[in-house]
Amino acid sequence: EHMPVVGVMEVPRDKVSRYGIIDAEEYAPGLYRIRGVLEKPSADTAPSRLAIVGRYVLTPEVFTHLEAAAPDASGEIQLTDALEGLARQNRLLAVKLYGQRFDIGDWVDYLAANIYFALQDDELHDDLSARLRDFLPPAR
């Protein structure tokens, strides 16, 4: 059976309000059947710390849910609403992702991503490392 799948990653409790958070049942290690999606819940109301991180494998049925979705306050149709509709029909899965991820909507993560990838470049690594050390206080 073909079903849409979203990638999720665990985020700190104090950051759940920045993401769409899933309410789900784990049915195999790292695999979840999603019951619901809450867009930017408070830490107190978040059903988990599993955040949808912009990785999707969608099936055509998502378009039916997008067509049925009402525009939000800014007049936009949100993918989260379509995902919630799929979840209510028990038609949405999640896979837990691991590895390095940067949230470029967060200034510190945006800067960290640039530094991280620059340090991976052989031509930039040594000069950038030296320059970054100039900004750090001496070790105690």
N, C-alpha and C. Protein backbone atom coordinates (compact mmCIF):
# COMPACT_ATOMS: atom_id res chain seq x y z
N GLU A 1 0.85 -1.19 0.00
CA GLU A 1 0.00 0.00 0.00
C GLU A 1 0.89 1.25 0.00
N HIS A 2 0.59 2.20 -0.85
CA HIS A 2 1.36 3.43 -0.94
C HIS A 2 0.77 4.49 -0.01
N MET A 3 1.62 5.07 0.81
CA MET A 3 1.19 6.13 1.72
C MET A 3 2.26 7.21 1.75
N PRO A 4 1.85 8.46 1.96
CA PRO A 4 2.83 9.53 2.09
C PRO A 4 3.67 9.34 3.36
N VAL A 5 4.91 9.80 3.30
CA VAL A 5 5.84 9.68 4.42
C VAL A 5 6.50 11.04 4.65
N VAL A 6 6.61 11.43 5.91
CA VAL A 6 7.33 12.65 6.26
C VAL A 6 8.55 12.28 7.09
N GLY A 7 9.61 13.06 6.95
CA GLY A 7 10.79 12.87 7.79
C GLY A 7 10.63 13.69 9.05
N VAL A 8 10.98 13.09 10.18
CA VAL A 8 10.90 13.79 11.47
C VAL A 8 12.24 13.66 12.20
N MET A 9 12.50 14.64 13.02
CA MET A 9 13.68 14.60 13.90
C MET A 9 13.25 15.06 15.28
N GLU A 10 13.91 14.51 16.28
CA GLU A 10 13.62 14.93 17.65
C GLU A 10 14.25 16.30 17.88
N VAL A 11 13.47 17.20 18.47
CA VAL A 11 13.97 18.55 18.78
C VAL A 11 13.83 18.77 20.28
N PRO A 12 14.63 19.69 20.85
CA PRO A 12 14.48 19.98 22.28
C PRO A 12 13.08 20.51 22.59
N ARG A 13 12.59 20.21 23.78
CA ARG A 13 11.24 20.62 24.18
C ARG A 13 11.06 22.13 24.01
N ASP A 14 12.08 22.93 24.31
CA ASP A 14 11.92 24.39 24.21
C ASP A 14 11.90 24.89 22.76
N LYS A 15 12.06 23.99 21.78
CA LYS A 15 12.01 24.41 20.37
C LYS A 15 10.80 23.86 19.63
N VAL A 16 9.93 23.09 20.30
CA VAL A 16 8.79 22.49 19.58
C VAL A 16 7.87 23.55 19.00
N SER A 17 7.83 24.73 19.60
CA SER A 17 6.92 25.78 19.12
C SER A 17 7.37 26.37 17.78
N ARG A 18 8.48 25.91 17.24
CA ARG A 18 8.97 26.39 15.94
C ARG A 18 8.59 25.46 14.78
N TYR A 19 7.98 24.31 15.10
CA TYR A 19 7.80 23.27 14.08
C TYR A 19 6.39 22.69 14.10
N GLY A 20 6.09 21.94 13.05
CA GLY A 20 4.93 21.06 13.06
C GLY A 20 5.35 19.80 13.81
N ILE A 21 4.62 19.46 14.84
CA ILE A 21 4.96 18.32 15.71
C ILE A 21 3.93 17.22 15.52
N ILE A 22 4.41 15.98 15.44
CA ILE A 22 3.48 14.88 15.20
C ILE A 22 3.02 14.23 16.50
N ASP A 23 1.78 13.77 16.46
CA ASP A 23 1.21 12.88 17.47
C ASP A 23 1.18 11.53 16.77
N ALA A 24 1.94 10.57 17.26
CA ALA A 24 2.10 9.34 16.49
C ALA A 24 2.35 8.14 17.38
N GLU A 25 2.14 6.97 16.78
CA GLU A 25 2.43 5.71 17.43
C GLU A 25 3.59 5.06 16.69
N GLU A 26 4.64 4.69 17.42
CA GLU A 26 5.77 4.01 16.81
C GLU A 26 5.41 2.55 16.63
N TYR A 27 5.41 2.08 15.39
CA TYR A 27 5.04 0.68 15.15
C TYR A 27 6.22 -0.18 14.75
N ALA A 28 7.36 0.41 14.52
CA ALA A 28 8.63 -0.28 14.30
C ALA A 28 9.70 0.75 14.66
N PRO A 29 10.90 0.32 14.99
CA PRO A 29 11.93 1.30 15.38
C PRO A 29 12.12 2.40 14.32
N GLY A 30 11.83 3.64 14.73
CA GLY A 30 12.00 4.78 13.85
C GLY A 30 10.90 4.99 12.83
N LEU A 31 9.84 4.17 12.87
CA LEU A 31 8.71 4.30 11.94
C LEU A 31 7.44 4.58 12.74
N TYR A 32 6.66 5.54 12.27
CA TYR A 32 5.49 6.01 13.02
C TYR A 32 4.27 6.09 12.11
N ARG A 33 3.12 5.77 12.71
CA ARG A 33 1.84 6.04 12.07
C ARG A 33 1.32 7.31 12.74
N ILE A 34 1.13 8.35 11.94
CA ILE A 34 0.77 9.66 12.49
C ILE A 34 -0.73 9.75 12.72
N ARG A 35 -1.08 10.16 13.95
CA ARG A 35 -2.50 10.39 14.31
C ARG A 35 -2.90 11.83 14.09
N GLY A 36 -1.94 12.74 14.20
CA GLY A 36 -2.24 14.15 14.05
C GLY A 36 -0.98 14.98 13.93
N VAL A 37 -1.15 16.20 13.44
CA VAL A 37 -0.05 17.14 13.29
C VAL A 37 -0.48 18.45 13.94
N LEU A 38 0.32 18.96 14.84
CA LEU A 38 0.05 20.24 15.48
C LEU A 38 1.09 21.24 15.00
N GLU A 39 0.65 22.33 14.43
CA GLU A 39 1.56 23.35 13.91
C GLU A 39 2.00 24.26 15.04
N LYS A 40 3.26 24.26 15.34
CA LYS A 40 3.90 25.13 16.33
C LYS A 40 3.18 25.13 17.68
N PRO A 41 3.04 23.96 18.31
CA PRO A 41 2.38 23.92 19.62
C PRO A 41 3.31 24.46 20.71
N SER A 42 2.73 24.80 21.83
CA SER A 42 3.56 25.19 22.97
C SER A 42 4.21 23.92 23.53
N ALA A 43 5.25 24.10 24.32
CA ALA A 43 5.93 22.95 24.92
C ALA A 43 4.96 22.15 25.78
N ASP A 44 3.99 22.84 26.40
CA ASP A 44 3.02 22.16 27.27
C ASP A 44 2.01 21.33 26.51
N THR A 45 1.70 21.70 25.28
CA THR A 45 0.66 20.97 24.53
C THR A 45 1.22 20.06 23.45
N ALA A 46 2.52 20.08 23.23
CA ALA A 46 3.11 19.24 22.18
C ALA A 46 2.97 17.76 22.55
N PRO A 47 2.45 16.94 21.63
CA PRO A 47 2.27 15.52 21.93
C PRO A 47 3.58 14.73 21.87
N SER A 48 4.62 15.32 21.32
CA SER A 48 5.93 14.66 21.23
C SER A 48 6.96 15.74 20.97
N ARG A 49 8.18 15.30 20.75
CA ARG A 49 9.24 16.22 20.33
C ARG A 49 9.67 15.90 18.91
N LEU A 50 8.84 15.15 18.18
CA LEU A 50 9.16 14.77 16.80
C LEU A 50 8.64 15.83 15.84
N ALA A 51 9.57 16.56 15.24
CA ALA A 51 9.25 17.69 14.36
C ALA A 51 9.36 17.28 12.90
N ILE A 52 8.40 17.74 12.10
CA ILE A 52 8.48 17.55 10.65
C ILE A 52 9.55 18.51 10.14
N VAL A 53 10.54 17.96 9.43
CA VAL A 53 11.71 18.76 9.07
C VAL A 53 11.87 18.98 7.57
N GLY A 54 10.74 19.03 6.86
CA GLY A 54 10.80 19.41 5.45
C GLY A 54 11.26 18.32 4.51
N ARG A 55 11.14 17.07 4.91
CA ARG A 55 11.46 15.95 4.03
C ARG A 55 10.17 15.18 3.80
N TYR A 56 9.72 15.12 2.55
CA TYR A 56 8.42 14.53 2.24
C TYR A 56 8.52 13.58 1.06
N VAL A 57 7.80 12.48 1.14
CA VAL A 57 7.51 11.64 -0.02
C VAL A 57 5.99 11.59 -0.05
N LEU A 58 5.40 12.36 -0.96
CA LEU A 58 3.95 12.52 -0.98
C LEU A 58 3.34 11.73 -2.13
N THR A 59 2.10 11.31 -1.91
CA THR A 59 1.34 10.61 -2.95
C THR A 59 0.31 11.60 -3.51
N PRO A 60 -0.27 11.30 -4.66
CA PRO A 60 -1.21 12.24 -5.28
C PRO A 60 -2.40 12.62 -4.39
N GLU A 61 -2.76 11.77 -3.43
CA GLU A 61 -3.92 12.07 -2.59
C GLU A 61 -3.74 13.35 -1.78
N VAL A 62 -2.51 13.82 -1.62
CA VAL A 62 -2.29 15.06 -0.89
C VAL A 62 -2.99 16.23 -1.58
N PHE A 63 -3.12 16.17 -2.91
CA PHE A 63 -3.76 17.27 -3.63
C PHE A 63 -5.24 17.40 -3.29
N THR A 64 -5.91 16.29 -3.04
CA THR A 64 -7.31 16.33 -2.61
C THR A 64 -7.42 17.11 -1.30
N HIS A 65 -6.49 16.85 -0.39
CA HIS A 65 -6.51 17.54 0.90
C HIS A 65 -6.10 19.00 0.77
N LEU A 66 -5.19 19.31 -0.13
CA LEU A 66 -4.83 20.71 -0.35
C LEU A 66 -6.00 21.49 -0.93
N GLU A 67 -6.74 20.88 -1.85
CA GLU A 67 -7.90 21.55 -2.44
C GLU A 67 -8.98 21.81 -1.40
N ALA A 68 -9.09 20.93 -0.41
CA ALA A 68 -10.11 21.08 0.63
C ALA A 68 -9.68 22.02 1.75
N ALA A 69 -8.39 22.35 1.82
CA ALA A 69 -7.88 23.17 2.91
C ALA A 69 -8.32 24.63 2.75
N ALA A 70 -8.66 25.23 3.87
CA ALA A 70 -9.03 26.65 3.88
C ALA A 70 -7.75 27.49 4.00
N PRO A 71 -7.71 28.63 3.34
CA PRO A 71 -6.54 29.51 3.47
C PRO A 71 -6.37 29.98 4.91
N ASP A 72 -5.13 30.20 5.33
CA ASP A 72 -4.88 30.71 6.67
C ASP A 72 -5.08 32.22 6.69
N ALA A 73 -4.72 32.85 7.80
CA ALA A 73 -4.94 34.30 7.96
C ALA A 73 -4.22 35.12 6.90
N SER A 74 -3.11 34.61 6.37
CA SER A 74 -2.38 35.34 5.34
C SER A 74 -2.85 34.99 3.93
N GLY A 75 -3.87 34.12 3.84
CA GLY A 75 -4.42 33.74 2.55
C GLY A 75 -3.73 32.56 1.89
N GLU A 76 -2.80 31.93 2.61
CA GLU A 76 -2.06 30.80 2.05
C GLU A 76 -2.68 29.47 2.45
N ILE A 77 -2.53 28.50 1.58
CA ILE A 77 -2.93 27.12 1.89
C ILE A 77 -1.70 26.44 2.48
N GLN A 78 -1.85 25.81 3.62
CA GLN A 78 -0.71 25.21 4.31
C GLN A 78 -0.65 23.70 4.08
N LEU A 79 0.53 23.20 3.77
CA LEU A 79 0.73 21.76 3.61
C LEU A 79 0.39 21.03 4.90
N THR A 80 0.65 21.67 6.04
CA THR A 80 0.34 21.04 7.33
C THR A 80 -1.13 20.65 7.42
N ASP A 81 -2.02 21.48 6.88
CA ASP A 81 -3.45 21.16 6.91
C ASP A 81 -3.75 19.91 6.09
N ALA A 82 -3.10 19.77 4.95
CA ALA A 82 -3.29 18.57 4.13
C ALA A 82 -2.73 17.35 4.85
N LEU A 83 -1.59 17.50 5.50
CA LEU A 83 -1.00 16.39 6.24
C LEU A 83 -1.90 15.98 7.40
N GLU A 84 -2.49 16.96 8.06
CA GLU A 84 -3.43 16.66 9.15
C GLU A 84 -4.62 15.87 8.62
N GLY A 85 -5.14 16.24 7.46
CA GLY A 85 -6.25 15.50 6.86
C GLY A 85 -5.87 14.06 6.56
N LEU A 86 -4.68 13.86 6.04
CA LEU A 86 -4.19 12.50 5.78
C LEU A 86 -4.04 11.72 7.08
N ALA A 87 -3.53 12.38 8.11
CA ALA A 87 -3.35 11.72 9.40
C ALA A 87 -4.69 11.28 9.98
N ARG A 88 -5.71 12.14 9.87
CA ARG A 88 -7.05 11.78 10.39
C ARG A 88 -7.60 10.55 9.69
N GLN A 89 -7.20 10.33 8.45
CA GLN A 89 -7.65 9.15 7.71
C GLN A 89 -6.69 7.96 7.88
N ASN A 90 -5.74 8.11 8.82
CA ASN A 90 -4.77 7.05 9.08
C ASN A 90 -3.94 6.75 7.83
N ARG A 91 -3.59 7.80 7.08
CA ARG A 91 -2.90 7.66 5.80
C ARG A 91 -1.58 8.43 5.76
N LEU A 92 -0.90 8.55 6.90
CA LEU A 92 0.35 9.30 6.92
C LEU A 92 1.34 8.61 7.84
N LEU A 93 2.55 8.41 7.32
CA LEU A 93 3.62 7.77 8.08
C LEU A 93 4.76 8.75 8.28
N ALA A 94 5.61 8.44 9.26
CA ALA A 94 6.82 9.23 9.50
C ALA A 94 7.99 8.28 9.68
N VAL A 95 9.14 8.74 9.26
CA VAL A 95 10.39 8.02 9.50
C VAL A 95 11.32 8.98 10.24
N LYS A 96 11.91 8.46 11.32
CA LYS A 96 12.82 9.29 12.11
C LYS A 96 14.16 9.39 11.40
N LEU A 97 14.62 10.63 11.21
CA LEU A 97 15.87 10.89 10.54
C LEU A 97 16.96 11.19 11.56
N TYR A 98 18.16 10.84 11.21
CA TYR A 98 19.31 11.09 12.08
C TYR A 98 20.34 11.85 11.27
N GLY A 99 21.27 12.46 11.95
CA GLY A 99 22.34 13.15 11.25
C GLY A 99 22.33 14.64 11.53
N GLN A 100 23.19 15.33 10.84
CA GLN A 100 23.34 16.78 11.02
C GLN A 100 22.24 17.52 10.28
N ARG A 101 21.63 18.46 10.96
CA ARG A 101 20.59 19.28 10.34
C ARG A 101 20.71 20.69 10.89
N PHE A 102 20.50 21.66 10.04
CA PHE A 102 20.53 23.06 10.45
C PHE A 102 19.19 23.69 10.11
N ASP A 103 18.66 24.47 11.05
CA ASP A 103 17.42 25.21 10.83
C ASP A 103 17.81 26.62 10.39
N ILE A 104 17.80 26.87 9.08
CA ILE A 104 18.27 28.17 8.62
C ILE A 104 17.26 29.29 8.87
N GLY A 105 16.13 28.96 9.49
CA GLY A 105 15.21 29.99 9.95
C GLY A 105 15.64 30.55 11.30
N ASP A 106 16.67 29.96 11.89
CA ASP A 106 17.23 30.38 13.16
C ASP A 106 18.60 30.99 12.87
N TRP A 107 18.83 32.22 13.31
CA TRP A 107 20.07 32.91 12.95
C TRP A 107 21.31 32.15 13.37
N VAL A 108 21.33 31.61 14.58
CA VAL A 108 22.52 30.89 15.04
C VAL A 108 22.75 29.65 14.19
N ASP A 109 21.69 28.91 13.90
CA ASP A 109 21.84 27.72 13.05
C ASP A 109 22.25 28.09 11.63
N TYR A 110 21.73 29.20 11.14
CA TYR A 110 22.12 29.67 9.81
C TYR A 110 23.62 29.94 9.75
N LEU A 111 24.11 30.65 10.75
CA LEU A 111 25.55 30.94 10.80
C LEU A 111 26.36 29.66 11.00
N ALA A 112 25.88 28.78 11.88
CA ALA A 112 26.57 27.51 12.12
C ALA A 112 26.64 26.67 10.85
N ALA A 113 25.58 26.67 10.06
CA ALA A 113 25.57 25.91 8.80
C ALA A 113 26.64 26.43 7.85
N ASN A 114 26.75 27.74 7.74
CA ASN A 114 27.76 28.32 6.86
C ASN A 114 29.17 27.96 7.33
N ILE A 115 29.39 28.04 8.63
CA ILE A 115 30.70 27.69 9.17
C ILE A 115 30.98 26.21 8.98
N TYR A 116 30.00 25.38 9.29
CA TYR A 116 30.16 23.93 9.17
C TYR A 116 30.57 23.55 7.74
N PHE A 117 29.84 24.03 6.76
CA PHE A 117 30.13 23.65 5.38
C PHE A 117 31.42 24.30 4.86
N ALA A 118 31.72 25.49 5.33
CA ALA A 118 33.00 26.10 4.94
C ALA A 118 34.17 25.29 5.49
N LEU A 119 34.01 24.76 6.70
CA LEU A 119 35.07 23.95 7.29
C LEU A 119 35.25 22.61 6.57
N GLN A 120 34.26 22.19 5.82
CA GLN A 120 34.37 20.95 5.04
C GLN A 120 35.16 21.16 3.75
N ASP A 121 35.34 22.42 3.37
CA ASP A 121 36.03 22.76 2.13
C ASP A 121 37.54 22.83 2.39
N ASP A 122 38.30 22.02 1.68
CA ASP A 122 39.75 21.97 1.88
C ASP A 122 40.42 23.33 1.67
N GLU A 123 39.90 24.13 0.77
CA GLU A 123 40.51 25.44 0.49
C GLU A 123 40.23 26.46 1.60
N LEU A 124 39.14 26.28 2.33
CA LEU A 124 38.76 27.25 3.36
C LEU A 124 39.11 26.81 4.78
N HIS A 125 39.22 25.52 4.99
CA HIS A 125 39.31 24.97 6.34
C HIS A 125 40.39 25.63 7.21
N ASP A 126 41.63 25.63 6.77
CA ASP A 126 42.71 26.12 7.62
C ASP A 126 42.60 27.61 7.92
N ASP A 127 42.35 28.42 6.90
CA ASP A 127 42.24 29.86 7.12
C ASP A 127 41.04 30.21 7.99
N LEU A 128 39.91 29.55 7.74
CA LEU A 128 38.72 29.83 8.54
C LEU A 128 38.91 29.37 9.97
N SER A 129 39.50 28.21 10.17
CA SER A 129 39.76 27.71 11.54
C SER A 129 40.61 28.71 12.31
N ALA A 130 41.66 29.21 11.66
CA ALA A 130 42.54 30.18 12.32
C ALA A 130 41.78 31.46 12.65
N ARG A 131 40.97 31.91 11.73
CA ARG A 131 40.20 33.14 11.95
C ARG A 131 39.19 32.97 13.08
N LEU A 132 38.54 31.82 13.13
CA LEU A 132 37.58 31.56 14.20
C LEU A 132 38.28 31.52 15.55
N ARG A 133 39.48 30.96 15.60
CA ARG A 133 40.23 30.94 16.86
C ARG A 133 40.53 32.36 17.34
N ASP A 134 40.70 33.31 16.41
CA ASP A 134 40.94 34.71 16.79
C ASP A 134 39.77 35.28 17.59
N PHE A 135 38.57 34.77 17.35
CA PHE A 135 37.38 35.30 18.03
C PHE A 135 37.15 34.66 19.40
N LEU A 136 37.78 33.53 19.65
CA LEU A 136 37.53 32.80 20.89
C LEU A 136 38.49 33.26 21.98
N PRO A 137 38.00 33.35 23.22
CA PRO A 137 38.90 33.72 24.31
C PRO A 137 39.89 32.57 24.56
N PRO A 138 41.03 32.88 25.14
CA PRO A 138 42.00 31.82 25.44
C PRO A 138 41.39 30.79 26.40
N ALA A 139 41.79 29.54 26.25
CA ALA A 139 41.30 28.48 27.14
C ALA A 139 41.79 28.75 28.55
N ARG A 140 40.97 28.42 29.52
CA ARG A 140 41.34 28.66 30.93
C ARG A 140 42.09 27.50 31.50
